Protein backbone atom coordinates (compact mmCIF):
# COMPACT_ATOMS: atom_id res chain seq x y z
CA MET A 1 -10.28 20.01 2.17
CA ASN A 2 -8.99 20.89 -1.29
CA TYR A 3 -11.39 19.54 -4.20
CA ARG A 4 -8.48 19.24 -6.15
CA ILE A 5 -7.13 16.29 -4.14
CA PHE A 6 -9.82 14.12 -5.36
CA ILE A 7 -8.49 13.88 -8.66
CA LEU A 8 -5.48 12.46 -7.16
CA VAL A 9 -7.56 10.20 -5.07
CA ILE A 10 -8.91 8.76 -8.42
CA GLY A 11 -5.36 8.35 -9.56
CA THR A 12 -4.48 5.97 -6.56
CA PHE A 13 -7.71 4.21 -6.60
CA ILE A 14 -6.90 3.25 -10.15
CA ILE A 15 -3.20 1.94 -9.29
CA GLY A 16 -5.07 -0.08 -6.29
CA THR A 17 -7.49 -1.51 -8.72
CA ASP A 18 -4.54 -2.55 -11.02
CA ASP A 19 -2.56 -3.76 -8.45
CA PHE A 20 -4.93 -6.15 -6.87
CA VAL A 21 -7.22 -7.09 -9.85
CA ILE A 22 -4.78 -9.20 -11.40
CA ALA A 23 -5.16 -12.02 -8.48
CA GLY A 24 -8.64 -12.39 -9.62
CA ILE A 25 -7.89 -12.92 -13.47
CA LEU A 26 -4.68 -14.86 -13.13
CA PRO A 27 -6.53 -18.25 -14.21
CA SER A 28 -8.02 -16.62 -17.52
CA ILE A 29 -4.61 -14.90 -18.13
CA ALA A 30 -2.86 -18.29 -17.69
CA ASP A 31 -5.25 -20.10 -20.06
CA ASP A 32 -5.33 -17.50 -22.65
CA MET A 33 -1.35 -17.13 -22.68
CA ASN A 34 -1.04 -21.01 -22.50
CA VAL A 35 1.26 -20.82 -19.18
CA SER A 36 0.91 -22.24 -15.56
CA ILE A 37 -0.63 -20.65 -12.77
CA ALA A 38 2.40 -20.34 -11.12
CA VAL A 39 4.16 -18.83 -14.16
CA ALA A 40 1.22 -16.40 -14.45
CA GLY A 41 1.94 -15.38 -10.81
CA GLN A 42 4.87 -13.90 -11.45
CA LEU A 43 3.28 -10.90 -13.04
CA VAL A 44 2.43 -10.16 -9.54
CA THR A 45 6.20 -10.55 -8.20
CA ALA A 46 7.40 -8.36 -11.37
CA PHE A 47 5.01 -5.48 -10.35
CA ALA A 48 5.92 -5.58 -6.76
CA ILE A 49 9.58 -5.79 -7.29
CA ALA A 50 9.59 -3.02 -9.93
CA TYR A 51 7.38 -0.58 -7.72
CA ALA A 52 10.09 -1.18 -4.63
CA ILE A 53 12.97 -0.34 -6.84
CA GLY A 54 11.12 2.35 -9.09
CA ALA A 55 9.67 4.32 -6.27
CA PRO A 56 13.01 5.38 -4.83
CA VAL A 57 15.35 5.42 -7.88
CA LEU A 58 12.41 7.28 -10.08
CA GLY A 59 11.82 9.72 -7.11
CA THR A 60 15.82 10.41 -7.00
CA ILE A 61 16.08 10.88 -10.67
CA THR A 62 13.06 13.23 -11.09
CA ILE A 63 13.46 15.23 -7.70
CA ASN A 64 14.24 18.53 -9.66
CA MET A 65 11.47 18.13 -12.37
CA PRO A 66 7.81 19.93 -12.32
CA LEU A 67 5.55 17.99 -10.16
CA LYS A 68 2.36 18.68 -11.99
CA ALA A 69 3.99 17.78 -14.99
CA LEU A 70 5.44 14.27 -13.56
CA LEU A 71 2.03 13.52 -12.37
CA VAL A 72 0.57 13.84 -15.89
CA LEU A 73 3.30 12.03 -17.34
CA SER A 74 3.24 9.25 -15.08
CA MET A 75 -0.28 8.40 -15.41
CA LEU A 76 -0.21 8.99 -19.01
CA VAL A 77 2.42 5.80 -18.87
CA PHE A 78 0.26 4.08 -16.61
CA THR A 79 -2.98 4.37 -19.31
CA ILE A 80 -0.38 3.50 -22.10
CA ALA A 81 1.03 0.57 -20.10
CA ASN A 82 -2.53 -0.91 -19.29
CA GLY A 83 -3.81 -0.20 -22.82
CA LEU A 84 -0.76 -2.33 -24.17
CA SER A 85 -1.92 -5.31 -21.95
CA ILE A 86 -5.13 -5.29 -24.04
CA ILE A 87 -3.40 -6.05 -27.06
CA VAL A 88 -0.17 -8.03 -26.20
CA THR A 89 -0.01 -11.37 -28.12
CA SER A 90 2.68 -12.95 -25.58
CA PHE A 91 3.22 -13.63 -21.95
CA GLU A 92 6.63 -11.98 -22.18
CA TRP A 93 5.07 -8.69 -23.31
CA LEU A 94 2.49 -8.90 -21.04
CA PHE A 95 5.38 -9.39 -18.33
CA VAL A 96 6.98 -5.86 -19.73
CA THR A 97 3.79 -4.03 -19.65
CA ARG A 98 3.09 -4.92 -16.14
CA ILE A 99 6.72 -3.65 -15.15
CA MET A 100 5.89 -0.43 -17.19
CA ALA A 101 2.57 -0.22 -15.34
CA ALA A 102 4.58 -0.63 -11.82
CA LEU A 103 7.23 1.93 -12.68
CA ALA A 104 4.63 4.53 -13.56
CA ALA A 105 2.65 3.72 -10.41
CA ALA A 106 5.72 3.94 -8.25
CA LEU A 107 6.30 7.77 -9.54
CA PHE A 108 2.95 8.92 -9.22
CA THR A 109 1.86 7.62 -5.67
CA PRO A 110 4.41 9.32 -3.88
CA LEU A 111 4.05 12.41 -5.92
CA ALA A 112 0.40 12.31 -5.24
CA MET A 113 1.17 12.13 -1.54
CA ALA A 114 3.57 15.08 -1.68
CA ALA A 115 1.17 17.28 -3.76
CA SER A 116 -1.73 16.44 -1.33
CA ALA A 117 0.13 17.59 1.60
CA SER A 118 1.09 20.95 -0.19
CA LEU A 119 -2.45 21.61 -1.30
CA VAL A 120 -3.86 21.97 2.28
CA PRO A 121 -2.92 23.66 5.96
CA VAL A 122 -0.52 21.88 7.78
CA THR A 123 -3.21 21.20 10.39
CA MET A 124 -4.82 19.20 7.58
CA ARG A 125 -2.10 17.55 6.23
CA GLY A 126 -2.90 14.19 7.89
CA ARG A 127 -6.42 13.69 6.35
CA ALA A 128 -5.08 14.68 2.94
CA LEU A 129 -2.53 11.95 2.99
CA SER A 130 -5.40 9.33 4.29
CA PHE A 131 -7.13 10.53 1.48
CA ILE A 132 -4.67 9.45 -0.95
CA ILE A 133 -3.85 6.10 0.72
CA ALA A 134 -7.72 5.41 1.06
CA GLY A 135 -7.90 5.55 -2.61
CA ILE A 136 -5.67 2.53 -2.81
CA THR A 137 -7.89 0.54 -0.09
CA VAL A 138 -10.77 1.53 -1.95
CA GLY A 139 -9.10 0.17 -5.02
CA LEU A 140 -8.76 -3.10 -3.15
CA ILE A 141 -12.49 -2.99 -1.88
CA VAL A 142 -14.32 -1.93 -5.06
CA GLY A 143 -12.07 -1.53 -7.81
CA ALA A 144 -10.48 -5.00 -7.84
CA PRO A 145 -13.88 -6.92 -7.68
CA ILE A 146 -15.25 -4.85 -10.39
CA GLY A 147 -12.42 -5.48 -12.51
CA THR A 148 -12.32 -9.24 -11.58
CA TRP A 149 -16.16 -9.41 -12.54
CA VAL A 150 -15.35 -7.45 -15.72
CA GLY A 151 -12.44 -9.93 -16.94
CA ASN A 152 -14.39 -13.09 -15.79
CA ALA A 153 -17.53 -12.08 -17.59
CA ILE A 154 -15.91 -10.99 -21.02
CA SER A 155 -12.22 -11.23 -21.03
CA TRP A 156 -9.54 -10.38 -18.71
CA ARG A 157 -8.14 -8.08 -21.45
CA TYR A 158 -11.41 -5.82 -20.75
CA SER A 159 -9.96 -5.45 -17.04
CA PHE A 160 -6.93 -3.65 -18.23
CA ALA A 161 -9.23 -1.66 -20.53
CA LEU A 162 -11.39 -0.31 -17.67
CA VAL A 163 -8.16 0.31 -15.91
CA SER A 164 -6.68 2.27 -18.88
CA LEU A 165 -10.03 4.16 -19.16
CA VAL A 166 -10.12 5.48 -15.78
CA SER A 167 -6.48 6.06 -15.90
CA LEU A 168 -6.97 8.42 -18.81
CA ILE A 169 -9.78 10.60 -17.39
CA THR A 170 -7.26 10.81 -14.53
CA THR A 171 -4.32 12.03 -16.53
CA ILE A 172 -7.01 14.75 -18.11
CA GLY A 173 -8.24 15.54 -14.64
CA VAL A 174 -4.75 16.13 -13.19
CA LEU A 175 -4.07 18.22 -16.35
CA ILE A 176 -7.01 20.56 -16.12
CA LEU A 177 -7.64 20.73 -12.21
CA LEU A 178 -4.15 20.77 -10.62
CA PRO A 179 -2.47 23.92 -10.08
CA LYS A 180 1.40 24.41 -10.51
CA ILE A 181 3.03 23.13 -7.46
CA GLU A 182 6.31 24.51 -6.33
CA ARG A 183 8.91 21.81 -5.56
CA GLU A 184 11.56 21.83 -3.03
CA ALA A 185 14.49 24.17 -3.69
CA PHE A 186 17.38 22.66 -5.79
CA ILE A 187 19.64 20.51 -4.05
CA SER A 188 21.95 18.00 -5.76
CA ILE A 189 20.94 14.07 -5.72
CA LYS A 190 24.27 13.65 -3.41
CA GLU A 191 23.06 16.30 -0.84
CA ARG A 192 19.72 14.96 -0.80
CA LEU A 193 20.83 11.30 0.10
CA LYS A 194 22.97 12.59 2.59
CA SER A 195 20.06 14.01 4.40
CA PHE A 196 18.69 10.55 4.88
CA ASN A 197 19.96 10.22 8.58
CA LYS A 198 19.37 7.79 10.95
CA THR A 199 16.05 9.02 12.14
CA ILE A 200 14.42 8.60 8.61
CA LEU A 201 16.21 5.26 8.04
CA LEU A 202 15.01 4.04 11.36
CA THR A 203 11.57 4.89 10.69
CA LEU A 204 11.58 3.54 7.28
CA SER A 205 12.62 0.27 8.99
CA VAL A 206 9.62 0.40 11.17
CA SER A 207 7.48 0.30 8.12
CA ILE A 208 9.29 -2.64 6.96
CA ILE A 209 9.16 -4.57 9.83
CA ALA A 210 5.35 -3.77 10.48
CA THR A 211 4.19 -4.43 7.04
CA THR A 212 6.07 -7.71 6.81
CA GLY A 213 4.11 -8.59 10.18
CA GLY A 214 0.88 -7.47 8.66
CA PHE A 215 1.36 -9.17 5.35
CA MET A 216 2.76 -12.41 6.79
CA THR A 217 -0.96 -12.91 8.19
CA TYR A 218 -2.72 -11.37 5.06
CA THR A 219 -0.76 -13.28 2.18
CA TYR A 220 -1.98 -16.67 4.23
CA ILE A 221 -5.40 -15.29 5.63
CA ALA A 222 -7.56 -17.85 3.61
CA PRO A 223 -5.97 -21.14 5.53
CA ILE A 224 -5.78 -19.07 8.66
CA ILE A 225 -9.53 -18.50 8.76
CA THR A 226 -10.54 -21.57 7.42
CA ALA A 227 -8.61 -23.43 10.12
CA ILE A 228 -10.29 -21.66 12.70
CA THR A 229 -13.83 -21.47 11.27
CA ASN A 230 -14.13 -24.58 8.86
CA ILE A 231 -15.13 -21.96 6.24
CA GLU A 232 -13.69 -22.17 2.88
CA ASN A 233 -15.06 -19.12 1.13
CA ILE A 234 -13.45 -16.37 3.17
CA SER A 235 -14.85 -13.44 0.78
CA ILE A 236 -17.11 -12.14 3.57
CA PHE A 237 -14.23 -11.91 6.11
CA LEU A 238 -11.98 -10.06 3.31
CA LEU A 239 -14.81 -7.79 2.85
CA LEU A 240 -15.15 -6.76 6.57
CA PHE A 241 -11.07 -6.17 6.63
CA GLY A 242 -11.47 -3.96 3.79
CA ILE A 243 -13.98 -1.91 5.43
CA GLY A 244 -12.29 -1.69 8.75
CA ALA A 245 -9.14 -0.59 6.14
CA LEU A 246 -10.97 2.02 4.61
CA PHE A 247 -12.11 3.31 8.13
CA GLY A 248 -8.71 3.05 9.51
CA ASN A 249 -7.12 5.31 7.01
CA LEU A 250 -9.58 7.76 7.72
CA VAL A 251 -9.40 7.61 11.24
CA GLY A 252 -5.55 7.66 11.19
CA GLY A 253 -5.43 10.80 9.37
CA TYR A 254 -7.94 12.49 11.85
CA PHE A 255 -6.01 11.31 14.95
CA THR A 256 -2.66 12.32 13.20
CA ASP A 257 -4.07 15.87 13.02
CA ARG A 258 -5.61 15.84 16.47
CA ILE A 259 -2.97 14.15 18.81
CA GLY A 260 0.01 14.16 16.61
CA ALA A 261 1.80 11.47 14.16
CA PRO A 262 4.07 9.88 17.17
CA LYS A 263 1.05 9.07 19.30
CA THR A 264 -1.26 7.95 16.37
CA LEU A 265 1.66 5.40 14.82
CA MET A 266 2.27 3.95 18.32
CA LEU A 267 -1.25 3.42 19.27
CA SER A 268 -1.98 1.74 15.60
CA LEU A 269 1.03 -0.47 16.17
CA ALA A 270 0.08 -1.55 19.66
CA GLY A 271 -3.44 -2.60 18.46
CA PHE A 272 -2.51 -4.19 15.13
CA GLY A 273 0.08 -6.39 17.07
CA ILE A 274 -2.75 -7.47 19.60
CA LEU A 275 -5.16 -7.93 16.53
CA LEU A 276 -2.87 -10.17 14.55
CA ILE A 277 -1.79 -12.29 17.66
CA ALA A 278 -5.46 -12.93 18.12
CA PHE A 279 -5.53 -15.04 15.07
CA SER A 280 -3.09 -17.55 16.85
CA VAL A 281 -5.27 -17.37 19.96
CA LEU A 282 -8.55 -18.14 18.23
CA THR A 283 -6.88 -21.25 16.72
CA LEU A 284 -7.07 -22.84 20.09
CA LEU A 285 -10.88 -22.94 19.92
CA ASN A 286 -12.81 -25.59 17.94
CA PRO A 287 -15.00 -24.28 15.11
CA SER A 288 -18.31 -22.88 16.25
CA THR A 289 -20.63 -20.05 15.67
CA LEU A 290 -18.54 -18.39 18.29
CA THR A 291 -15.30 -18.48 16.60
CA ILE A 292 -17.12 -17.32 13.38
CA VAL A 293 -18.19 -14.32 15.17
CA LEU A 294 -14.99 -13.56 17.04
CA VAL A 295 -13.07 -13.76 13.48
CA SER A 296 -15.71 -11.48 11.90
CA LEU A 297 -14.98 -9.05 14.67
CA VAL A 298 -11.20 -9.26 14.48
CA ALA A 299 -11.37 -9.27 10.52
CA LEU A 300 -13.17 -5.93 10.81
CA LEU A 301 -11.02 -4.50 13.44
CA TRP A 302 -7.64 -5.41 12.09
CA GLY A 303 -7.75 -3.24 9.17
CA ILE A 304 -8.19 0.00 11.32
CA PRO A 305 -4.86 0.16 13.16
CA GLY A 306 -3.03 -1.67 10.18
CA PHE A 307 -4.06 0.94 7.82
CA GLY A 308 -4.47 3.62 10.26
CA MET A 309 -0.99 3.71 10.97
CA ASN A 310 -0.04 4.65 7.25
CA PRO A 311 -1.09 8.48 7.41
CA ALA A 312 0.68 8.77 10.75
CA LEU A 313 3.92 7.09 9.33
CA ASN A 314 4.38 9.29 6.19
CA SER A 315 3.22 12.47 7.93
CA TYR A 316 5.87 11.70 10.78
CA LEU A 317 8.36 10.93 7.68
CA ILE A 318 7.59 14.50 6.21
CA SER A 319 7.97 16.07 9.42
CA LEU A 320 11.65 14.83 9.72
CA ASN A 321 12.73 16.63 6.59
CA PRO A 322 9.79 18.86 4.84
CA ASN A 323 11.95 19.76 2.08
CA GLN A 324 12.44 16.49 0.62
CA ALA A 325 8.97 15.17 1.04
CA SER A 326 8.28 13.58 -2.19
CA MET A 327 11.46 11.72 -2.38
CA ILE A 328 11.37 10.60 1.40
CA LEU A 329 7.53 9.42 0.32
CA SER A 330 8.84 7.59 -2.66
CA PHE A 331 11.23 5.58 -0.03
CA SER A 332 8.36 5.08 2.19
CA ALA A 333 6.43 3.50 -0.53
CA SER A 334 9.37 1.39 -1.65
CA ALA A 335 9.50 0.15 2.23
CA LEU A 336 5.71 -0.66 2.10
CA TYR A 337 6.16 -3.12 -1.21
CA LEU A 338 9.34 -4.68 0.31
CA GLY A 339 7.37 -5.53 3.47
CA ILE A 340 4.72 -6.83 1.20
CA GLY A 341 7.33 -9.26 -0.34
CA LEU A 342 9.22 -10.40 3.10
CA GLY A 343 5.52 -11.10 4.73
CA ALA A 344 4.84 -13.80 1.91
CA VAL A 345 8.42 -15.13 2.50
CA ILE A 346 8.60 -15.32 6.25
CA GLY A 347 5.49 -16.55 6.46
CA GLY A 348 5.71 -19.26 4.25
CA GLY A 349 8.86 -20.38 6.47
CA VAL A 350 7.05 -20.25 9.61
CA ILE A 351 4.17 -22.38 8.28
CA SER A 352 6.88 -24.86 6.82
CA ILE A 353 8.92 -24.88 10.35
CA GLY A 354 5.59 -24.76 12.43
CA SER A 355 2.20 -24.56 11.47
CA ILE A 356 -0.58 -22.08 10.09
CA ASP A 357 -1.37 -21.58 13.90
CA TYR A 358 1.81 -19.68 14.38
CA VAL A 359 1.64 -17.11 11.62
CA GLY A 360 -0.63 -14.57 13.89
CA LEU A 361 1.68 -14.98 16.79
CA VAL A 362 4.95 -14.33 14.76
CA SER A 363 3.19 -11.54 12.83
CA GLY A 364 2.13 -9.74 16.16
CA ILE A 365 5.66 -10.24 17.66
CA LEU A 366 7.22 -8.42 14.55
CA VAL A 367 4.71 -5.74 14.75
CA GLY A 368 5.69 -5.19 18.41
CA ILE A 369 9.39 -5.09 17.38
CA ALA A 370 8.27 -2.33 15.07
CA LEU A 371 6.73 -0.67 18.00
CA VAL A 372 10.02 -0.86 20.17
CA VAL A 373 12.06 0.50 17.20
CA PHE A 374 9.73 3.49 16.72
CA ILE A 375 9.97 4.40 20.53
CA VAL A 376 13.44 4.65 20.61
CA VAL A 377 13.29 6.52 17.31
CA GLN A 378 11.04 9.23 18.46
CA GLN A 379 12.96 9.66 21.68
CA PHE A 380 16.11 10.03 19.62
CA PHE A 381 14.51 12.68 17.47
CA ALA A 382 13.04 14.51 20.59
CA LYS A 383 16.49 14.77 21.88
CA LYS A 384 18.14 15.97 18.65
CA GLN A 385 15.42 18.48 18.73
CA GLN A 386 16.00 20.00 22.42
CA ALA A 387 20.05 19.88 21.67
């Protein structure tokens, strides 16, 4: 594996940290800024929406600019945005800096994936992509807890100071270590958008549907696990999920290279759907030591296919149009964040109409639908190649 990829991994790690740490310091921000928790929570919404919109828009606008220069610029803006978050004096300005950070992250992440894929042989592309995605996962497992501890022990502003410091180091590292990377041949934006055929659009829909299903359960995982086990502090279960997610990224990349992206993605979706449904099945049992053991097992396992599908999905998308890898990956990132948002909304609807017991079941059904859609897409693409 090319060692230069690791500076890109540090970049996605600190982006993941910045994305997830905000939940841990929301009460401190709300108290300091004299706003309610609900209002402070809109910082998360702003980040997600800005990222979802920014990924394809910025990816399209900058498609013909030098890749390395964009990586440096986006991480520098990300550094500045978090640096400004340290000194803002009003909630409104903090809102602006969060949007600024999200737009920078939306540009950097798909470019980092495209750069990693170009730095290694085709046979190692899946593993390279899995390392980049794993950076975000490690941000969830390690970076966010550290940032939360710093924010609560000293001040929430120091959480952003930590993010800004690591971002600055990443900016310098990309500038010094990364070689010049050739981008796709010049094609007008109009022509590029024309190339987004049915296969690519349907594959992106697979990502949206599967992510919606997964984040329906993840968003409401605390009340789900509490209902099954009667345990209110679910931190250990989230740690198990994080370990599984990290392992899933690496395993997904490995199998993408060994058996191919389509097979890896189908296996991941099938396993993910079954494990999500398991949460609803477990609600049929009475809380006991057995249910705690079973939930622990499911919590560890569901992150493996849930995150294992990401390298396979992105590798498959690149294979559909290798000449426009960075732009396609930017739309992939946007689809991911759209699914995260939809998951929270639909999950809330399921709870309102039925109960928390049905969230896992509906999540699994949605992932099953994503699997069916992908099988149809894959068959269509195979026939198209034979024609």
